[in-house]
Amino acid sequence: MRWRFSAAVTAAACRFRVVPFWPLGGEVLDLDPRTLLEAEAPCKALSAELAERGVLAFKGLNLSDSEFLSISGLLGKELISRHVVHPESPSEDILRLSNQAQHGVVGVGPQWHQDGSTEQQVFSHLLFHAKTRSAATLFADARKAFELLPPQTQEKWARIASVNAYSGAVHPLVHEHPVSGKKVLFLHLGQTGALITRSDLNSEVRALFAQLHALLSRPELHLSYTYEAGDLVLVDNLAVLHRASEAAFEASAWAPLRVLHRATVRGNKNLGVEGLPPYLYIFGENPFDPSGLWQSSDYYGVGFRWNRSQRFQN
């Protein structure tokens, strides 16, 4: 166990321990994040720990909805909402996820992704608060995944940009994390309408989705976190990719009710690609030579269906 503290916060308010999970993330002990809401300065140690580990869990906090939204301010200046607001959601800033349509939005996030790929400034952090015991979310290490690629593949992937299937936002497949400075991957495997390459990689581009899915699904690269009621989970959106487990979609009569609240924090890094516009018209034809993948999108934002046996929904 390691102690982390920030001298900037008075009364040692930012002192805590982390019990590591495997292969990433950890549980925070000896810190109730609600105590930081009145601190005189931000808890930089918490953000730094999150950038390093990707996922931090606080067990059994049982926050109120207002406390949940207030804690998001510890990670950024502003919430950003780009989701459907369910009638049972207590706030437009909360995406209420469920396996039962009458209690929340169903079928969300079956593919590996990072949230906010519709934006140029993608979301910096995510917060999940379990209202019931809930089936797992899987989190995969975006830095380690890149590091495990052969050097030749690293070089090729660094020359690829993605285009969001809904908004046309353009992002690099490889970029530097704004806190750690490490190279990390960024891609939405369920909402990418185009991949643009700077070399002739057409055949490899079409196999990239399956290759990345297989890589992120390796046991040594991802954490499966099952929520207990009241858990708070903080996520560095640029450090990890995530997806819902298959059990999260179970809606049979004997499946327990799953309700999970999510909030998203506005990013402060413009994740663009040099030499390309911030947005491209994804609903038309390929504006470039055919040295990549381009799929004219529909208005539901579902991108290239790289595997017909996989579930695709956003």
C-alpha atoms as a PDB file:
ATOM      1  CA  MET A   1       0.000   0.000   0.000  1.00  0.00           C
ATOM      2  CA  ARG A   2       1.171   3.543  -0.727  1.00  0.00           C
ATOM      3  CA  TRP A   3       0.314   6.848   0.870  1.00  0.00           C
ATOM      4  CA  ARG A   4      -0.490   9.747  -1.421  1.00  0.00           C
ATOM      5  CA  PHE A   5      -0.859  13.277  -0.138  1.00  0.00           C
ATOM      6  CA  SER A   6      -0.998  16.837  -1.399  1.00  0.00           C
ATOM      7  CA  ALA A   7       0.472  19.643   0.676  1.00  0.00           C
ATOM      8  CA  ALA A   8      -1.807  22.099  -1.127  1.00  0.00           C
ATOM      9  CA  VAL A   9      -4.881  20.804   0.688  1.00  0.00           C
ATOM     10  CA  THR A  10      -5.148  21.861   4.297  1.00  0.00           C
ATOM     11  CA  ALA A  11      -5.651  19.493   7.247  1.00  0.00           C
ATOM     12  CA  ALA A  12      -4.224  16.549   5.288  1.00  0.00           C
ATOM     13  CA  ALA A  13      -7.602  16.242   3.558  1.00  0.00           C
ATOM     14  CA  CYS A  14      -6.040  14.572   0.533  1.00  0.00           C
ATOM     15  CA  ARG A  15      -4.258  11.729   2.309  1.00  0.00           C
ATOM     16  CA  PHE A  16      -5.291   8.240   1.250  1.00  0.00           C
ATOM     17  CA  ARG A  17      -4.188   4.690   0.555  1.00  0.00           C
ATOM     18  CA  VAL A  18      -4.707   2.627  -2.589  1.00  0.00           C
ATOM     19  CA  VAL A  19      -5.061  -1.152  -2.642  1.00  0.00           C
ATOM     20  CA  PRO A  20      -4.168  -2.188  -6.208  1.00  0.00           C
ATOM     21  CA  PHE A  21      -6.460  -4.248  -8.397  1.00  0.00           C
ATOM     22  CA  TRP A  22      -5.020  -6.532 -11.075  1.00  0.00           C
ATOM     23  CA  PRO A  23      -4.058  -5.723 -13.739  1.00  0.00           C
ATOM     24  CA  LEU A  24      -5.004  -2.046 -13.315  1.00  0.00           C
ATOM     25  CA  GLY A  25      -6.911   0.299 -11.039  1.00  0.00           C
ATOM     26  CA  GLY A  26      -7.311   0.168  -7.283  1.00  0.00           C
ATOM     27  CA  GLU A  27      -9.552   0.753  -4.279  1.00  0.00           C
ATOM     28  CA  VAL A  28      -9.121   4.007  -2.353  1.00  0.00           C
ATOM     29  CA  LEU A  29      -9.073   3.719   1.446  1.00  0.00           C
ATOM     30  CA  ASP A  30      -9.066   6.322   4.231  1.00  0.00           C
ATOM     31  CA  LEU A  31     -10.620   9.021   2.055  1.00  0.00           C
ATOM     32  CA  ASP A  32     -14.233  10.074   1.648  1.00  0.00           C
ATOM     33  CA  PRO A  33     -14.246  12.286  -1.479  1.00  0.00           C
ATOM     34  CA  ARG A  34     -17.065  14.349   0.016  1.00  0.00           C
ATOM     35  CA  THR A  35     -14.530  15.807   2.472  1.00  0.00           C
ATOM     36  CA  LEU A  36     -12.626  17.308  -0.462  1.00  0.00           C
ATOM     37  CA  LEU A  37     -15.581  19.392  -1.614  1.00  0.00           C
ATOM     38  CA  GLU A  38     -14.832  22.070   1.004  1.00  0.00           C
ATOM     39  CA  ALA A  39     -11.038  21.958   0.590  1.00  0.00           C
ATOM     40  CA  GLU A  40      -9.173  25.182  -0.156  1.00  0.00           C
ATOM     41  CA  ALA A  41      -7.279  23.661  -3.099  1.00  0.00           C
ATOM     42  CA  PRO A  42      -7.774  20.707  -5.455  1.00  0.00           C
ATOM     43  CA  CYS A  43      -6.511  17.253  -4.552  1.00  0.00           C
ATOM     44  CA  LYS A  44      -3.882  16.953  -7.268  1.00  0.00           C
ATOM     45  CA  ALA A  45      -2.686  13.648  -5.828  1.00  0.00           C
ATOM     46  CA  LEU A  46      -6.049  12.060  -6.620  1.00  0.00           C
ATOM     47  CA  SER A  47      -5.915  13.149 -10.267  1.00  0.00           C
ATOM     48  CA  ALA A  48      -2.300  11.994 -10.552  1.00  0.00           C
ATOM     49  CA  GLU A  49      -3.136   8.605  -9.042  1.00  0.00           C
ATOM     50  CA  LEU A  50      -6.064   8.273 -11.424  1.00  0.00           C
ATOM     51  CA  ALA A  51      -3.875   9.094 -14.436  1.00  0.00           C
ATOM     52  CA  GLU A  52      -1.436   6.388 -13.352  1.00  0.00           C
ATOM     53  CA  ARG A  53      -3.948   3.662 -12.464  1.00  0.00           C
ATOM     54  CA  GLY A  54      -6.820   4.552 -14.819  1.00  0.00           C
ATOM     55  CA  VAL A  55      -9.585   3.456 -12.433  1.00  0.00           C
ATOM     56  CA  LEU A  56     -10.161   4.208  -8.736  1.00  0.00           C
ATOM     57  CA  ALA A  57     -13.023   2.732  -6.714  1.00  0.00           C
ATOM     58  CA  PHE A  58     -14.598   3.975  -3.486  1.00  0.00           C
ATOM     59  CA  LYS A  59     -16.655   1.187  -1.951  1.00  0.00           C
ATOM     60  CA  GLY A  60     -20.144   1.654  -0.515  1.00  0.00           C
ATOM     61  CA  LEU A  61     -20.329   5.459  -0.398  1.00  0.00           C
ATOM     62  CA  ASN A  62     -24.083   5.616  -1.133  1.00  0.00           C
ATOM     63  CA  LEU A  63     -23.888   9.183  -2.383  1.00  0.00           C
ATOM     64  CA  SER A  64     -26.844  11.427  -2.974  1.00  0.00           C
ATOM     65  CA  ASP A  65     -27.272  12.467  -6.594  1.00  0.00           C
ATOM     66  CA  SER A  66     -26.130  16.014  -5.799  1.00  0.00           C
ATOM     67  CA  GLU A  67     -23.023  14.690  -4.024  1.00  0.00           C
ATOM     68  CA  PHE A  68     -22.248  12.497  -7.014  1.00  0.00           C
ATOM     69  CA  LEU A  69     -22.377  15.449  -9.393  1.00  0.00           C
ATOM     70  CA  SER A  70     -20.418  17.696  -7.016  1.00  0.00           C
ATOM     71  CA  ILE A  71     -17.583  15.175  -6.756  1.00  0.00           C
ATOM     72  CA  SER A  72     -17.124  15.416 -10.510  1.00  0.00           C
ATOM     73  CA  GLY A  73     -15.803  18.913  -9.862  1.00  0.00           C
ATOM     74  CA  LEU A  74     -12.750  17.364  -8.210  1.00  0.00           C
ATOM     75  CA  LEU A  75     -11.680  16.110 -11.643  1.00  0.00           C
ATOM     76  CA  GLY A  76     -12.586  19.030 -13.886  1.00  0.00           C
ATOM     77  CA  LYS A  77     -14.285  22.379 -14.085  1.00  0.00           C
ATOM     78  CA  GLU A  78     -17.437  21.390 -15.921  1.00  0.00           C
ATOM     79  CA  LEU A  79     -19.748  18.477 -16.593  1.00  0.00           C
ATOM     80  CA  ILE A  80     -20.694  17.812 -20.195  1.00  0.00           C
ATOM     81  CA  SER A  81     -23.777  15.861 -21.244  1.00  0.00           C
ATOM     82  CA  ARG A  82     -24.145  14.213 -24.649  1.00  0.00           C
ATOM     83  CA  HIS A  83     -26.598  11.465 -23.784  1.00  0.00           C
ATOM     84  CA  VAL A  84     -30.261  10.540 -23.703  1.00  0.00           C
ATOM     85  CA  VAL A  85     -31.953  11.669 -20.489  1.00  0.00           C
ATOM     86  CA  HIS A  86     -34.128   8.861 -19.142  1.00  0.00           C
ATOM     87  CA  PRO A  87     -37.389   9.879 -17.382  1.00  0.00           C
ATOM     88  CA  GLU A  88     -36.128   8.330 -14.130  1.00  0.00           C
ATOM     89  CA  SER A  89     -32.794  10.155 -14.273  1.00  0.00           C
ATOM     90  CA  PRO A  90     -32.540  12.695 -11.421  1.00  0.00           C
ATOM     91  CA  SER A  91     -30.532  15.138 -13.563  1.00  0.00           C
ATOM     92  CA  GLU A  92     -29.829  15.848 -17.207  1.00  0.00           C
ATOM     93  CA  ASP A  93     -26.135  15.478 -16.306  1.00  0.00           C
ATOM     94  CA  ILE A  94     -26.647  11.832 -15.324  1.00  0.00           C
ATOM     95  CA  LEU A  95     -26.870   9.004 -17.839  1.00  0.00           C
ATOM     96  CA  ARG A  96     -29.019   6.396 -16.109  1.00  0.00           C
ATOM     97  CA  LEU A  97     -28.025   2.939 -17.377  1.00  0.00           C
ATOM     98  CA  SER A  98     -30.087  -0.175 -16.794  1.00  0.00           C
ATOM     99  CA  ASN A  99     -30.963  -3.614 -18.113  1.00  0.00           C
ATOM    100  CA  GLN A 100     -34.665  -2.704 -17.955  1.00  0.00           C
ATOM    101  CA  ALA A 101     -35.927   0.030 -20.277  1.00  0.00           C
ATOM    102  CA  GLN A 102     -38.472   1.373 -17.802  1.00  0.00           C
ATOM    103  CA  HIS A 103     -35.675   2.125 -15.327  1.00  0.00           C
ATOM    104  CA  GLY A 104     -32.841   3.370 -17.559  1.00  0.00           C
ATOM    105  CA  VAL A 105     -31.177   3.442 -20.965  1.00  0.00           C
ATOM    106  CA  VAL A 106     -30.430  -0.092 -22.164  1.00  0.00           C
ATOM    107  CA  GLY A 107     -27.852  -1.653 -24.477  1.00  0.00           C
ATOM    108  CA  VAL A 108     -25.168   1.008 -24.072  1.00  0.00           C
ATOM    109  CA  GLY A 109     -21.463   0.462 -24.691  1.00  0.00           C
ATOM    110  CA  PRO A 110     -20.918  -3.146 -25.827  1.00  0.00           C
ATOM    111  CA  GLN A 111     -17.695  -2.304 -27.712  1.00  0.00           C
ATOM    112  CA  TRP A 112     -14.355  -1.081 -26.364  1.00  0.00           C
ATOM    113  CA  HIS A 113     -14.358   2.702 -26.436  1.00  0.00           C
ATOM    114  CA  GLN A 114     -13.539   5.979 -24.746  1.00  0.00           C
ATOM    115  CA  ASP A 115     -16.412   8.375 -24.124  1.00  0.00           C
ATOM    116  CA  GLY A 116     -16.736  11.713 -25.864  1.00  0.00           C
ATOM    117  CA  SER A 117     -15.425  10.641 -29.261  1.00  0.00           C
ATOM    118  CA  THR A 118     -18.057  12.942 -30.805  1.00  0.00           C
ATOM    119  CA  GLU A 119     -16.140  15.936 -29.393  1.00  0.00           C
ATOM    120  CA  GLN A 120     -12.826  17.554 -30.314  1.00  0.00           C
ATOM    121  CA  GLN A 121     -12.103  17.964 -26.611  1.00  0.00           C
ATOM    122  CA  VAL A 122     -13.020  14.446 -25.563  1.00  0.00           C
ATOM    123  CA  PHE A 123     -14.156  13.833 -21.986  1.00  0.00           C
ATOM    124  CA  SER A 124     -11.300  13.834 -19.491  1.00  0.00           C
ATOM    125  CA  HIS A 125     -12.956  11.729 -16.777  1.00  0.00           C
ATOM    126  CA  LEU A 126     -15.991   9.553 -16.106  1.00  0.00           C
ATOM    127  CA  LEU A 127     -17.762   8.831 -12.842  1.00  0.00           C
ATOM    128  CA  PHE A 128     -19.966   5.808 -12.180  1.00  0.00           C
ATOM    129  CA  HIS A 129     -22.245   5.438  -9.154  1.00  0.00           C
ATOM    130  CA  ALA A 130     -23.986   2.109  -8.626  1.00  0.00           C
ATOM    131  CA  LYS A 131     -27.571   2.460  -7.424  1.00  0.00           C
ATOM    132  CA  THR A 132     -27.924  -1.337  -7.298  1.00  0.00           C
ATOM    133  CA  ARG A 133     -25.516  -4.237  -7.419  1.00  0.00           C
ATOM    134  CA  SER A 134     -24.589  -4.154 -11.081  1.00  0.00           C
ATOM    135  CA  ALA A 135     -22.950  -6.367 -13.677  1.00  0.00           C
ATOM    136  CA  ALA A 136     -19.379  -5.534 -14.541  1.00  0.00           C
ATOM    137  CA  THR A 137     -17.784  -2.835 -16.632  1.00  0.00           C
ATOM    138  CA  LEU A 138     -14.515  -3.866 -18.267  1.00  0.00           C
ATOM    139  CA  PHE A 139     -11.608  -1.387 -18.276  1.00  0.00           C
ATOM    140  CA  ALA A 140      -8.518  -1.816 -20.497  1.00  0.00           C
ATOM    141  CA  ASP A 141      -5.135  -0.083 -20.218  1.00  0.00           C
ATOM    142  CA  ALA A 142      -4.663   2.234 -23.237  1.00  0.00           C
ATOM    143  CA  ARG A 143      -0.964   2.796 -22.472  1.00  0.00           C
ATOM    144  CA  LYS A 144       0.019  -0.824 -21.937  1.00  0.00           C
ATOM    145  CA  ALA A 145      -1.952  -1.865 -25.019  1.00  0.00           C
ATOM    146  CA  PHE A 146       0.149   0.491 -27.143  1.00  0.00           C
ATOM    147  CA  GLU A 147       3.373  -0.646 -25.488  1.00  0.00           C
ATOM    148  CA  LEU A 148       2.611  -4.299 -26.269  1.00  0.00           C
ATOM    149  CA  LEU A 149       2.361  -3.601 -29.993  1.00  0.00           C
ATOM    150  CA  PRO A 150       5.438  -4.435 -32.104  1.00  0.00           C
ATOM    151  CA  PRO A 151       7.484  -1.289 -32.920  1.00  0.00           C
ATOM    152  CA  GLN A 152       6.524  -1.509 -36.593  1.00  0.00           C
ATOM    153  CA  THR A 153       2.826  -1.607 -35.690  1.00  0.00           C
ATOM    154  CA  GLN A 154       3.262   1.293 -33.254  1.00  0.00           C
ATOM    155  CA  GLU A 155       4.736   3.368 -36.068  1.00  0.00           C
ATOM    156  CA  LYS A 156       1.939   2.475 -38.487  1.00  0.00           C
ATOM    157  CA  TRP A 157      -0.852   3.112 -35.990  1.00  0.00           C
ATOM    158  CA  ALA A 158       0.647   6.493 -35.120  1.00  0.00           C
ATOM    159  CA  ARG A 159      -0.136   7.535 -38.725  1.00  0.00           C
ATOM    160  CA  ILE A 160      -3.841   6.677 -38.497  1.00  0.00           C
ATOM    161  CA  ALA A 161      -6.702   9.037 -37.616  1.00  0.00           C
ATOM    162  CA  SER A 162     -10.300   8.088 -36.802  1.00  0.00           C
ATOM    163  CA  VAL A 163     -13.498   9.903 -37.777  1.00  0.00           C
ATOM    164  CA  ASN A 164     -16.498   9.610 -35.471  1.00  0.00           C
ATOM    165  CA  ALA A 165     -19.514   8.038 -37.172  1.00  0.00           C
ATOM    166  CA  TYR A 166     -21.978  10.503 -35.659  1.00  0.00           C
ATOM    167  CA  SER A 167     -20.291  13.909 -35.510  1.00  0.00           C
ATOM    168  CA  GLY A 168     -17.337  13.512 -37.868  1.00  0.00           C
ATOM    169  CA  ALA A 169     -14.846  14.512 -35.140  1.00  0.00           C
ATOM    170  CA  VAL A 170     -11.288  13.601 -36.131  1.00  0.00           C
ATOM    171  CA  HIS A 171      -8.903  12.056 -33.575  1.00  0.00           C
ATOM    172  CA  PRO A 172      -5.470  10.417 -33.664  1.00  0.00           C
ATOM    173  CA  LEU A 173      -5.318   6.701 -32.954  1.00  0.00           C
ATOM    174  CA  VAL A 174      -2.188   7.361 -30.867  1.00  0.00           C
ATOM    175  CA  HIS A 175      -1.561  10.450 -28.720  1.00  0.00           C
ATOM    176  CA  GLU A 176       0.202  11.543 -25.526  1.00  0.00           C
ATOM    177  CA  HIS A 177      -1.732  11.470 -22.271  1.00  0.00           C
ATOM    178  CA  PRO A 178      -1.966  15.074 -20.941  1.00  0.00           C
ATOM    179  CA  VAL A 179      -0.872  14.125 -17.396  1.00  0.00           C
ATOM    180  CA  SER A 180       1.430  11.115 -17.713  1.00  0.00           C
ATOM    181  CA  GLY A 181       2.945  12.099 -21.064  1.00  0.00           C
ATOM    182  CA  LYS A 182       2.805   8.432 -22.111  1.00  0.00           C
ATOM    183  CA  LYS A 183       1.602   7.355 -25.533  1.00  0.00           C
ATOM    184  CA  VAL A 184      -1.915   5.910 -25.371  1.00  0.00           C
ATOM    185  CA  LEU A 185      -4.530   4.621 -27.796  1.00  0.00           C
ATOM    186  CA  PHE A 186      -7.828   6.354 -28.553  1.00  0.00           C
ATOM    187  CA  LEU A 187     -10.582   4.668 -30.561  1.00  0.00           C
ATOM    188  CA  HIS A 188     -14.287   3.821 -30.356  1.00  0.00           C
ATOM    189  CA  LEU A 189     -14.753   0.319 -31.767  1.00  0.00           C
ATOM    190  CA  GLY A 190     -18.498   0.843 -32.097  1.00  0.00           C
ATOM    191  CA  GLN A 191     -18.726   4.409 -33.398  1.00  0.00           C
ATOM    192  CA  THR A 192     -15.927   4.876 -35.927  1.00  0.00           C
ATOM    193  CA  GLY A 193     -17.089   5.775 -39.411  1.00  0.00           C
ATOM    194  CA  ALA A 194     -13.669   6.170 -40.998  1.00  0.00           C
ATOM    195  CA  LEU A 195      -9.995   5.523 -40.495  1.00  0.00           C
ATOM    196  CA  ILE A 196      -7.656   7.764 -42.459  1.00  0.00           C
ATOM    197  CA  THR A 197      -4.104   6.616 -43.118  1.00  0.00           C
ATOM    198  CA  ARG A 198      -1.031   8.413 -44.366  1.00  0.00           C
ATOM    199  CA  SER A 199       0.282   5.349 -46.175  1.00  0.00           C
ATOM    200  CA  ASP A 200      -1.108   2.373 -48.073  1.00  0.00           C
ATOM    201  CA  LEU A 201      -2.521   0.317 -45.202  1.00  0.00           C
ATOM    202  CA  ASN A 202      -5.962  -0.463 -46.552  1.00  0.00           C
ATOM    203  CA  SER A 203      -5.950  -4.206 -45.869  1.00  0.00           C
ATOM    204  CA  GLU A 204      -4.384  -3.732 -42.440  1.00  0.00           C
ATOM    205  CA  VAL A 205      -6.851  -0.985 -41.510  1.00  0.00           C
ATOM    206  CA  ARG A 206      -9.768  -3.336 -42.084  1.00  0.00           C
ATOM    207  CA  ALA A 207      -8.229  -5.815 -39.662  1.00  0.00           C
ATOM    208  CA  LEU A 208      -7.287  -3.183 -37.082  1.00  0.00           C
ATOM    209  CA  PHE A 209     -10.610  -3.258 -35.228  1.00  0.00           C
ATOM    210  CA  ALA A 210     -10.437  -7.002 -34.645  1.00  0.00           C
ATOM    211  CA  GLN A 211      -6.762  -6.771 -33.698  1.00  0.00           C
ATOM    212  CA  LEU A 212      -7.415  -4.046 -31.139  1.00  0.00           C
ATOM    213  CA  HIS A 213     -10.458  -5.859 -29.729  1.00  0.00           C
ATOM    214  CA  ALA A 214      -8.387  -9.008 -29.215  1.00  0.00           C
ATOM    215  CA  LEU A 215      -5.546  -7.037 -27.630  1.00  0.00           C
ATOM    216  CA  LEU A 216      -7.744  -5.177 -25.144  1.00  0.00           C
ATOM    217  CA  SER A 217      -9.581  -8.377 -24.226  1.00  0.00           C
ATOM    218  CA  ARG A 218      -6.394 -10.099 -23.044  1.00  0.00           C
ATOM    219  CA  PRO A 219      -6.629 -10.870 -19.285  1.00  0.00           C
ATOM    220  CA  GLU A 220      -3.406  -9.046 -18.444  1.00  0.00           C
ATOM    221  CA  LEU A 221      -4.723  -5.840 -20.007  1.00  0.00           C
ATOM    222  CA  HIS A 222      -8.207  -5.380 -18.603  1.00  0.00           C
ATOM    223  CA  LEU A 223     -10.028  -5.214 -15.280  1.00  0.00           C
ATOM    224  CA  SER A 224     -13.568  -6.546 -14.829  1.00  0.00           C
ATOM    225  CA  TYR A 225     -15.216  -4.487 -12.092  1.00  0.00           C
ATOM    226  CA  THR A 226     -18.534  -5.675 -10.634  1.00  0.00           C
ATOM    227  CA  TYR A 227     -20.358  -2.931  -8.740  1.00  0.00           C
ATOM    228  CA  GLU A 228     -21.854  -3.251  -5.289  1.00  0.00           C
ATOM    229  CA  ALA A 229     -24.668  -0.848  -4.420  1.00  0.00           C
ATOM    230  CA  GLY A 230     -23.224   2.518  -3.417  1.00  0.00           C
ATOM    231  CA  ASP A 231     -19.853   2.130  -5.149  1.00  0.00           C
ATOM    232  CA  LEU A 232     -18.280   5.191  -6.759  1.00  0.00           C
ATOM    233  CA  VAL A 233     -15.813   4.550  -9.594  1.00  0.00           C
ATOM    234  CA  LEU A 234     -13.637   7.299 -11.073  1.00  0.00           C
ATOM    235  CA  VAL A 235     -12.162   6.765 -14.541  1.00  0.00           C
ATOM    236  CA  ASP A 236      -9.437   8.587 -16.459  1.00  0.00           C
ATOM    237  CA  ASN A 237     -11.064   8.467 -19.892  1.00  0.00           C
ATOM    238  CA  LEU A 238      -7.787   8.946 -21.777  1.00  0.00           C
ATOM    239  CA  ALA A 239      -5.882   6.320 -19.770  1.00  0.00           C
ATOM    240  CA  VAL A 240      -8.325   3.443 -20.256  1.00  0.00           C
ATOM    241  CA  LEU A 241     -10.930   2.155 -22.675  1.00  0.00           C
ATOM    242  CA  HIS A 242     -14.053   0.497 -21.330  1.00  0.00           C
ATOM    243  CA  ARG A 243     -17.078  -1.547 -22.338  1.00  0.00           C
ATOM    244  CA  ALA A 244     -20.085  -3.124 -20.680  1.00  0.00           C
ATOM    245  CA  SER A 245     -19.956  -6.831 -19.914  1.00  0.00           C
ATOM    246  CA  GLU A 246     -22.433  -9.162 -21.599  1.00  0.00           C
ATOM    247  CA  ALA A 247     -24.153  -9.638 -18.233  1.00  0.00           C
ATOM    248  CA  ALA A 248     -24.993  -5.926 -18.194  1.00  0.00           C
ATOM    249  CA  PHE A 249     -27.513  -6.517 -20.991  1.00  0.00           C
ATOM    250  CA  GLU A 250     -29.276  -9.473 -19.365  1.00  0.00           C
ATOM    251  CA  ALA A 251     -32.974  -8.572 -19.259  1.00  0.00           C
ATOM    252  CA  SER A 252     -34.631 -11.906 -18.574  1.00  0.00           C
ATOM    253  CA  ALA A 253     -37.293 -12.227 -15.903  1.00  0.00           C
ATOM    254  CA  TRP A 254     -34.817 -13.671 -13.395  1.00  0.00           C
ATOM    255  CA  ALA A 255     -32.071 -11.102 -14.029  1.00  0.00           C
ATOM    256  CA  PRO A 256     -31.684  -8.629 -11.129  1.00  0.00           C
ATOM    257  CA  LEU A 257     -32.343  -4.959 -11.812  1.00  0.00           C
ATOM    258  CA  ARG A 258     -29.193  -3.053 -12.806  1.00  0.00           C
ATOM    259  CA  VAL A 259     -29.091   0.718 -12.338  1.00  0.00           C
ATOM    260  CA  LEU A 260     -25.820   2.578 -12.849  1.00  0.00           C
ATOM    261  CA  HIS A 261     -25.406   6.355 -13.021  1.00  0.00           C
ATOM    262  CA  ARG A 262     -22.688   7.935 -15.172  1.00  0.00           C
ATOM    263  CA  ALA A 263     -21.430  11.514 -15.364  1.00  0.00           C
ATOM    264  CA  THR A 264     -18.797  12.895 -17.748  1.00  0.00           C
ATOM    265  CA  VAL A 265     -16.287  15.720 -17.294  1.00  0.00           C
ATOM    266  CA  ARG A 266     -15.398  18.130 -20.098  1.00  0.00           C
ATOM    267  CA  GLY A 267     -11.857  17.641 -21.365  1.00  0.00           C
ATOM    268  CA  ASN A 268      -9.218  20.338 -21.635  1.00  0.00           C
ATOM    269  CA  LYS A 269      -7.125  18.759 -24.386  1.00  0.00           C
ATOM    270  CA  ASN A 270      -7.944  19.367 -28.044  1.00  0.00           C
ATOM    271  CA  LEU A 271      -7.477  15.876 -29.440  1.00  0.00           C
ATOM    272  CA  GLY A 272      -7.026  16.775 -33.084  1.00  0.00           C
ATOM    273  CA  VAL A 273      -4.738  15.665 -35.902  1.00  0.00           C
ATOM    274  CA  GLU A 274      -2.193  17.974 -37.513  1.00  0.00           C
ATOM    275  CA  GLY A 275      -3.007  18.594 -41.158  1.00  0.00           C
ATOM    276  CA  LEU A 276      -6.649  17.530 -40.857  1.00  0.00           C
ATOM    277  CA  PRO A 277      -9.754  19.596 -40.039  1.00  0.00           C
ATOM    278  CA  PRO A 278     -11.325  19.054 -36.600  1.00  0.00           C
ATOM    279  CA  TYR A 279     -14.480  17.626 -38.222  1.00  0.00           C
ATOM    280  CA  LEU A 280     -15.197  15.865 -41.523  1.00  0.00           C
ATOM    281  CA  TYR A 281     -18.550  15.250 -43.222  1.00  0.00           C
ATOM    282  CA  ILE A 282     -19.053  11.605 -42.337  1.00  0.00           C
ATOM    283  CA  PHE A 283     -22.415  11.299 -44.115  1.00  0.00           C
ATOM    284  CA  GLY A 284     -20.916  11.676 -47.592  1.00  0.00           C
ATOM    285  CA  GLU A 285     -18.315   9.991 -49.763  1.00  0.00           C
ATOM    286  CA  ASN A 286     -14.654   9.577 -48.886  1.00  0.00           C
ATOM    287  CA  PRO A 287     -13.030  13.001 -49.484  1.00  0.00           C
ATOM    288  CA  PHE A 288      -9.578  11.403 -49.645  1.00  0.00           C
ATOM    289  CA  ASP A 289      -7.984   8.762 -51.809  1.00  0.00           C
ATOM    290  CA  PRO A 290      -9.096   5.246 -50.799  1.00  0.00           C
ATOM    291  CA  SER A 291      -6.063   4.537 -48.612  1.00  0.00           C
ATOM    292  CA  GLY A 292      -8.153   3.721 -45.611  1.00  0.00           C
ATOM    293  CA  LEU A 293     -11.627   2.803 -44.488  1.00  0.00           C
ATOM    294  CA  TRP A 294     -14.580   5.146 -45.026  1.00  0.00           C
ATOM    295  CA  GLN A 295     -18.174   4.214 -44.237  1.00  0.00           C
ATOM    296  CA  SER A 296     -20.868   6.774 -44.892  1.00  0.00           C
ATOM    297  CA  SER A 297     -22.671   6.916 -41.563  1.00  0.00           C
ATOM    298  CA  ASP A 298     -26.308   6.762 -40.586  1.00  0.00           C
ATOM    299  CA  TYR A 299     -27.873   9.219 -38.159  1.00  0.00           C
ATOM    300  CA  TYR A 300     -27.680   6.733 -35.313  1.00  0.00           C
ATOM    301  CA  GLY A 301     -23.918   6.993 -35.170  1.00  0.00           C
ATOM    302  CA  VAL A 302     -23.141   3.303 -35.585  1.00  0.00           C
ATOM    303  CA  GLY A 303     -19.845   2.988 -37.392  1.00  0.00           C
ATOM    304  CA  PHE A 304     -18.009   0.326 -39.324  1.00  0.00           C
ATOM    305  CA  ARG A 305     -19.379  -3.127 -38.479  1.00  0.00           C
ATOM    306  CA  TRP A 306     -16.051  -4.931 -38.352  1.00  0.00           C
ATOM    307  CA  ASN A 307     -17.570  -8.141 -36.941  1.00  0.00           C
ATOM    308  CA  ARG A 308     -21.138  -9.171 -37.788  1.00  0.00           C
ATOM    309  CA  SER A 309     -21.322 -11.391 -34.708  1.00  0.00           C
ATOM    310  CA  GLN A 310     -20.655  -8.490 -32.334  1.00  0.00           C
ATOM    311  CA  ARG A 311     -23.298  -6.309 -30.662  1.00  0.00           C
ATOM    312  CA  PHE A 312     -23.213  -2.695 -31.947  1.00  0.00           C
ATOM    313  CA  GLN A 313     -25.089   0.044 -30.112  1.00  0.00           C
ATOM    314  CA  ASN A 314     -24.076   3.368 -28.588  1.00  0.00           C
END
